[in-house]
Amino acid sequence: MNASFSTTPASSFHAIFLVVLLLIPLFSFSQEGIEEKAAVDTSLIETIVIHPVYALKFKSNDHHFGQFKGALGDELGKDVMVVSYEGGPDKRFPMFYKNDGTSNEDWYGWNQKVLAPFNGKVVKVYINEKVNQPGKKGGGRASSIIFERNDGVKVVYGHVQNIQVKEGDQVKAGQHVAHVGNNGYAWMPHIHVGAWKNNQPLQILFDLKAQGKLLMK
């Protein structure tokens, strides 16, 4: 049997997307608004448990240690994408988008609600009005929200849109604070999450008990 690759626009986009998905952790969140550099000490790396970003099923790609040379918000961060289980046998395969994925509206995460990571306050908001087209990498600083907890832990959400909070606002864990966008240094709709304390990056875990409650509603 003679194997060949399809060159139709849809299959070409799918091939490109699979490559991009594997490379997501290779691209920086590019936060020009965070000037501090992480003072990374592998013996001191700690974890933080935060509220799930979505009230939906999701997958994430992690930024491994040393990937961004200590950039706060990027080091040990996650790129989190909404998924729908509609593909494969018995509809068990995770799908990130419908149709050919070339429109933001094709993506299951596009414009979905984004939830606050913990009880705390909003310390910084930045808005980038430019919207990217999936498959075409944008540039510049992404729209973002930085949250701070009473103990000094900070969490950033990047690539947001339709932001519902402003600097100085108090928020509760799970509160609706924004929607999923596609702006800045991004290839597709998703939310970047990064965490740190005293310039030391934190490894992020999601509260699975809270996630379970959200998914069972």
Protein backbone atom coordinates (compact mmCIF):
# COMPACT_ATOMS: atom_id res chain seq x y z
CA MET A 1 0.00 0.00 0.00
CA ASN A 2 1.35 3.40 -0.95
CA ALA A 3 1.10 5.84 1.99
CA SER A 4 0.57 9.53 1.29
CA PHE A 5 -0.27 12.70 3.18
CA SER A 6 -3.38 14.73 2.35
CA THR A 7 -2.72 18.32 1.31
CA THR A 8 -6.25 19.64 1.75
CA PRO A 9 -6.49 22.93 3.72
CA ALA A 10 -8.27 21.26 6.65
CA SER A 11 -5.79 18.40 7.03
CA SER A 12 -2.86 20.80 6.64
CA PHE A 13 -4.22 22.95 9.45
CA HIS A 14 -4.69 19.87 11.64
CA ALA A 15 -1.07 18.87 11.04
CA ILE A 16 0.16 22.37 11.83
CA PHE A 17 -1.98 22.48 14.97
CA LEU A 18 -0.56 19.21 16.28
CA VAL A 19 2.97 20.55 15.84
CA VAL A 20 2.03 23.85 17.52
CA LEU A 21 0.35 22.03 20.42
CA LEU A 22 3.55 20.13 21.08
CA LEU A 23 5.56 23.35 20.93
CA ILE A 24 3.32 25.53 23.12
CA PRO A 25 5.64 25.23 26.14
CA LEU A 26 8.51 26.52 23.96
CA PHE A 27 6.94 29.95 23.60
CA SER A 28 7.14 32.63 26.25
CA PHE A 29 4.07 34.28 27.71
CA SER A 30 5.98 37.54 27.12
CA GLN A 31 4.89 39.64 30.07
CA GLU A 32 6.45 43.03 29.54
CA GLY A 33 4.60 44.33 32.60
CA ILE A 34 6.41 42.01 35.02
CA GLU A 35 9.94 43.29 35.36
CA GLU A 36 11.10 41.05 38.21
CA LYS A 37 13.15 38.00 37.37
CA ALA A 38 12.59 34.75 39.19
CA ALA A 39 15.34 33.88 41.65
CA VAL A 40 15.05 30.19 40.87
CA ASP A 41 16.41 27.73 43.41
CA THR A 42 15.37 24.16 42.57
CA SER A 43 15.76 23.10 46.19
CA LEU A 44 13.09 25.63 47.18
CA ILE A 45 10.47 25.05 44.48
CA GLU A 46 7.07 24.84 46.13
CA THR A 47 3.58 24.09 44.86
CA ILE A 48 0.40 26.12 45.05
CA VAL A 49 -3.13 24.75 44.76
CA ILE A 50 -5.52 27.14 43.02
CA HIS A 51 -9.14 27.06 41.94
CA PRO A 52 -9.66 25.62 38.44
CA VAL A 53 -9.52 28.21 35.67
CA TYR A 54 -12.73 26.92 34.11
CA ALA A 55 -15.96 25.23 35.18
CA LEU A 56 -15.32 22.91 32.21
CA LYS A 57 -13.04 20.03 31.32
CA PHE A 58 -9.56 21.18 30.36
CA LYS A 59 -6.02 20.07 29.54
CA SER A 60 -2.77 21.92 30.17
CA ASN A 61 0.78 22.06 28.83
CA ASP A 62 3.40 22.84 31.47
CA HIS A 63 6.43 25.12 31.24
CA HIS A 64 9.26 23.02 32.63
CA PHE A 65 11.99 24.30 34.93
CA GLY A 66 14.54 26.56 33.23
CA GLN A 67 12.53 26.92 30.03
CA PHE A 68 12.28 30.69 30.19
CA LYS A 69 15.43 31.54 32.15
CA GLY A 70 13.63 32.69 35.25
CA ALA A 71 10.97 34.97 33.74
CA LEU A 72 8.26 35.53 36.35
CA GLY A 73 4.87 34.28 35.19
CA ASP A 74 6.48 32.01 32.59
CA GLU A 75 8.72 29.83 34.76
CA LEU A 76 6.75 26.69 35.77
CA GLY A 77 3.58 28.15 34.20
CA LYS A 78 0.76 26.33 32.42
CA ASP A 79 -1.15 26.88 29.16
CA VAL A 80 -4.69 25.71 29.88
CA MET A 81 -7.21 24.80 27.16
CA VAL A 82 -10.86 23.75 27.32
CA VAL A 83 -11.59 20.36 25.75
CA SER A 84 -14.67 18.49 24.64
CA TYR A 85 -14.75 14.71 24.47
CA GLU A 86 -16.32 14.22 21.06
CA GLY A 87 -13.65 12.42 19.04
CA GLY A 88 -12.56 8.84 18.50
CA PRO A 89 -14.28 5.59 19.44
CA ASP A 90 -17.22 6.07 21.77
CA LYS A 91 -16.43 9.81 21.82
CA ARG A 92 -13.57 9.42 24.27
CA PHE A 93 -10.87 11.48 22.55
CA PRO A 94 -10.32 15.08 23.70
CA MET A 95 -11.01 17.67 21.03
CA PHE A 96 -9.86 21.28 21.26
CA TYR A 97 -11.93 22.62 18.38
CA LYS A 98 -14.64 21.76 15.84
CA ASN A 99 -14.64 22.29 12.07
CA ASP A 100 -11.12 23.13 10.84
CA GLY A 101 -10.12 25.28 13.83
CA THR A 102 -9.19 28.32 11.77
CA SER A 103 -11.80 30.50 13.46
CA ASN A 104 -11.68 31.47 17.15
CA GLU A 105 -15.34 30.45 17.40
CA ASP A 106 -14.34 26.88 16.43
CA TRP A 107 -12.44 26.48 19.71
CA TYR A 108 -14.34 25.10 22.69
CA GLY A 109 -12.51 27.47 25.01
CA TRP A 110 -13.18 30.65 23.05
CA ASN A 111 -14.88 33.30 25.21
CA GLN A 112 -15.63 30.81 28.01
CA LYS A 113 -15.74 32.15 31.56
CA VAL A 114 -12.45 32.38 33.46
CA LEU A 115 -12.53 31.92 37.26
CA ALA A 116 -10.39 33.57 39.97
CA PRO A 117 -7.59 31.40 41.42
CA PHE A 118 -8.13 32.24 45.11
CA ASN A 119 -9.48 34.79 47.57
CA GLY A 120 -7.40 37.91 47.08
CA LYS A 121 -7.17 41.15 45.16
CA VAL A 122 -6.50 42.29 41.63
CA VAL A 123 -3.18 44.14 41.54
CA LYS A 124 -2.74 44.67 37.81
CA VAL A 125 -4.82 44.58 34.63
CA TYR A 126 -3.51 44.98 31.09
CA ILE A 127 -5.60 44.97 27.93
CA ASN A 128 -4.45 44.13 24.41
CA GLU A 129 -7.31 44.86 22.01
CA LYS A 130 -5.82 42.95 19.07
CA VAL A 131 -7.36 39.51 18.45
CA ASN A 132 -5.29 36.77 16.81
CA GLN A 133 -6.51 34.26 14.24
CA PRO A 134 -5.89 30.62 15.23
CA GLY A 135 -2.80 29.21 13.60
CA LYS A 136 -1.19 32.64 13.27
CA LYS A 137 1.03 33.58 16.20
CA GLY A 138 0.38 37.01 17.62
CA GLY A 139 2.94 39.26 19.24
CA GLY A 140 3.42 41.70 22.06
CA ARG A 141 2.13 41.64 25.57
CA ALA A 142 -1.00 39.60 26.20
CA SER A 143 -4.09 40.88 27.98
CA SER A 144 -3.61 39.83 31.59
CA ILE A 145 -4.76 39.97 35.19
CA ILE A 146 -2.44 39.62 38.19
CA PHE A 147 -3.99 38.46 41.47
CA GLU A 148 -2.36 38.62 44.91
CA ARG A 149 -3.18 36.59 48.00
CA ASN A 150 -2.76 37.83 51.58
CA ASP A 151 0.43 35.80 51.98
CA GLY A 152 2.08 37.46 48.98
CA VAL A 153 1.47 34.71 46.42
CA LYS A 154 0.73 36.13 42.98
CA VAL A 155 -0.97 34.46 40.03
CA VAL A 156 -1.21 35.81 36.50
CA TYR A 157 -3.82 34.90 33.88
CA GLY A 158 -2.74 35.72 30.33
CA HIS A 159 -4.57 35.93 26.97
CA VAL A 160 -7.84 36.91 28.67
CA GLN A 161 -10.53 39.12 27.14
CA ASN A 162 -13.73 40.83 28.31
CA ILE A 163 -12.16 41.42 31.71
CA GLN A 164 -14.77 41.75 34.48
CA VAL A 165 -12.56 43.17 37.25
CA LYS A 166 -10.31 46.18 37.77
CA GLU A 167 -7.19 46.93 39.78
CA GLY A 168 -7.92 47.06 43.50
CA ASP A 169 -10.95 44.75 43.36
CA GLN A 170 -11.28 41.97 45.92
CA VAL A 171 -12.12 38.57 44.42
CA LYS A 172 -13.25 35.19 45.70
CA ALA A 173 -11.97 31.82 44.49
CA GLY A 174 -14.07 30.72 41.52
CA GLN A 175 -15.43 34.20 40.80
CA HIS A 176 -16.01 35.05 37.14
CA VAL A 177 -13.22 37.51 36.26
CA ALA A 178 -12.76 37.35 32.48
CA HIS A 179 -13.24 35.28 29.31
CA VAL A 180 -10.88 33.20 27.20
CA GLY A 181 -9.20 35.21 24.47
CA ASN A 182 -6.51 34.85 21.83
CA ASN A 183 -4.12 37.80 21.99
CA GLY A 184 -0.47 38.56 22.52
CA TYR A 185 2.07 35.79 21.99
CA ALA A 186 -0.47 33.02 21.31
CA TRP A 187 -1.46 30.64 18.54
CA MET A 188 -4.96 29.78 19.71
CA PRO A 189 -7.56 30.56 22.41
CA HIS A 190 -6.29 29.51 25.85
CA ILE A 191 -5.34 30.90 29.25
CA HIS A 192 -1.76 31.07 30.48
CA VAL A 193 -1.38 30.66 34.25
CA GLY A 194 1.76 31.50 36.20
CA ALA A 195 2.43 31.76 39.95
CA TRP A 196 5.22 33.06 42.17
CA LYS A 197 6.07 34.41 45.61
CA ASN A 198 9.03 36.64 46.50
CA ASN A 199 10.37 36.19 42.94
CA GLN A 200 10.35 32.40 43.40
CA PRO A 201 8.20 30.55 40.81
CA LEU A 202 5.62 28.10 42.12
CA GLN A 203 4.50 24.84 40.59
CA ILE A 204 0.75 25.01 40.00
CA LEU A 205 -1.81 22.38 40.96
CA PHE A 206 -5.55 22.68 40.48
CA ASP A 207 -8.02 21.98 43.28
CA LEU A 208 -9.53 18.73 42.00
CA LYS A 209 -12.24 18.69 44.66
CA ALA A 210 -13.45 22.09 43.47
CA GLN A 211 -13.20 20.90 39.87
CA GLY A 212 -15.31 17.87 40.65
CA LYS A 213 -18.03 20.02 42.19
CA LEU A 214 -18.03 22.29 39.13
CA LEU A 215 -18.30 19.43 36.67
CA MET A 216 -21.08 17.69 38.60
CA LYS A 217 -23.36 20.73 38.68
